Amino acid sequence: MEATEKEYYVYGDNFGRGGQAVYRGLNLTPPPLVQKELLGETQWKSISKEVINQYAGSYIFLTVNKDLSGYEGDSIWKSLNAVRNGKVFELQEDRYWYFDPIAIVGQSQELADMIVQRNKESASQK
């Protein structure tokens, strides 16, 4: 996903923003609506904040730019399972924009490391 001040963009498995790394590199399963709408010819979609829960999975990989802030305080955002369970990963936009083979391998490794680290942190807090 990508956040803007008024909406979110949701991406498929072949458009950049980490989609290839998440769905192809790590082989994570997309939420059903993402699977249905964004894994074919259409690889991105603008959605309103009100329907984000229909597109959010158990993990959220969110590309952000340095100028964006404040989405974390939104009540709809805070209600998402991934947010409540600490499974949101902010990705720097300029790092996850690309989707050449070398970038995808690097992104996949970086994402895997982030997930492992977050799971270790969660386990140590219990």
Protein backbone atom coordinates (compact mmCIF):
# COMPACT_ATOMS: atom_id res chain seq x y z
CA MET A 1 0.00 0.00 0.00
CA GLU A 2 0.89 3.61 -0.29
CA ALA A 3 -0.66 6.34 1.85
CA THR A 4 -1.56 9.86 0.79
CA GLU A 5 -3.38 12.50 2.77
CA LYS A 6 -6.80 11.50 1.45
CA GLU A 7 -6.54 7.95 0.11
CA TYR A 8 -4.50 4.81 -0.20
CA TYR A 9 -3.12 3.04 -3.22
CA VAL A 10 -3.10 -0.72 -3.22
CA TYR A 11 -0.72 -2.63 -5.48
CA GLY A 12 -0.57 -6.09 -7.00
CA ASP A 13 2.32 -8.45 -7.60
CA ASN A 14 3.82 -6.77 -10.66
CA PHE A 15 3.86 -3.00 -10.18
CA GLY A 16 6.68 -2.07 -7.83
CA ARG A 17 6.21 -0.61 -4.35
CA GLY A 18 7.37 -3.96 -2.98
CA GLY A 19 4.57 -5.99 -4.57
CA GLN A 20 6.88 -8.40 -6.35
CA ALA A 21 8.97 -8.86 -3.22
CA VAL A 22 5.92 -9.48 -1.02
CA TYR A 23 3.84 -11.71 -3.29
CA ARG A 24 6.46 -13.34 -5.50
CA GLY A 25 9.69 -13.17 -3.50
CA LEU A 26 8.22 -14.04 -0.10
CA ASN A 27 5.21 -15.85 -1.52
CA LEU A 28 2.80 -14.18 0.92
CA THR A 29 -0.88 -14.60 0.11
CA PRO A 30 -2.69 -11.41 -0.85
CA PRO A 31 -6.03 -10.58 0.75
CA PRO A 32 -8.94 -11.98 -1.30
CA LEU A 33 -9.96 -8.62 -2.78
CA VAL A 34 -6.37 -7.85 -3.81
CA GLN A 35 -6.16 -11.30 -5.36
CA LYS A 36 -9.39 -10.76 -7.27
CA GLU A 37 -8.81 -7.19 -8.43
CA LEU A 38 -5.06 -6.57 -8.63
CA LEU A 39 -3.20 -9.68 -9.73
CA GLY A 40 -4.21 -9.52 -13.38
CA GLU A 41 -3.93 -6.68 -15.84
CA THR A 42 -4.89 -4.07 -13.26
CA GLN A 43 -2.00 -3.79 -10.81
CA TRP A 44 -2.98 -0.78 -8.72
CA LYS A 45 -6.07 0.89 -7.37
CA SER A 46 -6.87 4.03 -5.47
CA ILE A 47 -9.12 3.34 -2.49
CA SER A 48 -10.71 5.55 0.13
CA LYS A 49 -9.85 5.21 3.78
CA GLU A 50 -13.34 3.88 4.43
CA VAL A 51 -12.69 0.64 2.50
CA ILE A 52 -9.06 0.01 3.46
CA ASN A 53 -10.11 -2.85 5.75
CA GLN A 54 -11.29 -4.77 2.67
CA TYR A 55 -7.79 -4.62 1.14
CA ALA A 56 -5.60 -4.90 4.23
CA GLY A 57 -3.99 -8.23 5.03
CA SER A 58 -2.50 -9.61 8.21
CA TYR A 59 0.66 -7.69 7.28
CA ILE A 60 0.70 -4.22 5.75
CA PHE A 61 3.72 -3.02 3.80
CA LEU A 62 3.23 0.71 3.40
CA THR A 63 5.46 2.85 1.23
CA VAL A 64 5.78 6.31 2.68
CA ASN A 65 7.56 9.46 1.72
CA LYS A 66 9.22 11.81 4.13
CA ASP A 67 6.50 14.45 3.73
CA LEU A 68 3.63 12.24 4.87
CA SER A 69 2.62 12.03 8.47
CA GLY A 70 -0.58 11.66 10.43
CA TYR A 71 -2.15 8.60 8.82
CA GLU A 72 -1.35 6.65 12.01
CA GLY A 73 -3.85 8.71 14.01
CA ASP A 74 -6.82 7.92 11.78
CA SER A 75 -9.46 5.84 13.60
CA ILE A 76 -10.10 3.63 10.57
CA TRP A 77 -6.37 2.94 10.25
CA LYS A 78 -6.10 2.11 13.95
CA SER A 79 -8.95 -0.41 13.64
CA LEU A 80 -7.06 -2.64 11.15
CA ASN A 81 -5.89 -6.02 12.48
CA ALA A 82 -2.36 -5.53 11.14
CA VAL A 83 -2.11 -2.19 12.93
CA ARG A 84 -3.47 -3.56 16.22
CA ASN A 85 -1.08 -6.53 15.99
CA GLY A 86 2.03 -4.49 15.19
CA LYS A 87 2.35 -5.92 11.67
CA VAL A 88 2.73 -2.67 9.72
CA PHE A 89 6.04 -2.08 8.01
CA GLU A 90 6.87 1.35 6.64
CA LEU A 91 8.96 1.16 3.51
CA GLN A 92 10.89 4.12 2.15
CA GLU A 93 9.36 5.06 -1.17
CA ASP A 94 12.64 5.51 -3.05
CA ARG A 95 13.85 2.04 -2.00
CA TYR A 96 10.69 0.14 -3.00
CA TRP A 97 9.80 2.03 -6.16
CA TYR A 98 11.86 -0.26 -8.38
CA PHE A 99 11.09 -3.79 -9.54
CA ASP A 100 14.05 -5.02 -11.52
CA PRO A 101 15.33 -8.50 -10.56
CA ILE A 102 18.18 -7.21 -8.37
CA ALA A 103 15.87 -4.82 -6.52
CA ILE A 104 13.29 -7.55 -5.92
CA VAL A 105 15.85 -9.92 -4.42
CA GLY A 106 17.18 -7.19 -2.13
CA GLN A 107 13.70 -6.08 -1.13
CA SER A 108 12.61 -9.66 -0.42
CA GLN A 109 15.56 -10.19 1.91
CA GLU A 110 15.01 -6.86 3.61
CA LEU A 111 11.30 -7.59 4.14
CA ALA A 112 12.02 -11.08 5.47
CA ASP A 113 14.52 -9.58 7.93
CA MET A 114 11.95 -7.00 9.05
CA ILE A 115 9.31 -9.67 9.68
CA VAL A 116 11.74 -11.90 11.62
CA GLN A 117 12.94 -8.96 13.72
CA ARG A 118 9.38 -7.82 14.50
CA ASN A 119 8.37 -11.36 15.47
CA LYS A 120 11.39 -11.61 17.80
CA GLU A 121 10.47 -8.29 19.40
CA SER A 122 6.84 -9.41 19.86
CA ALA A 123 7.93 -12.72 21.39
CA SER A 124 10.27 -11.02 23.84
CA GLN A 125 7.48 -8.72 25.04
CA LYS A 126 5.24 -11.64 26.00
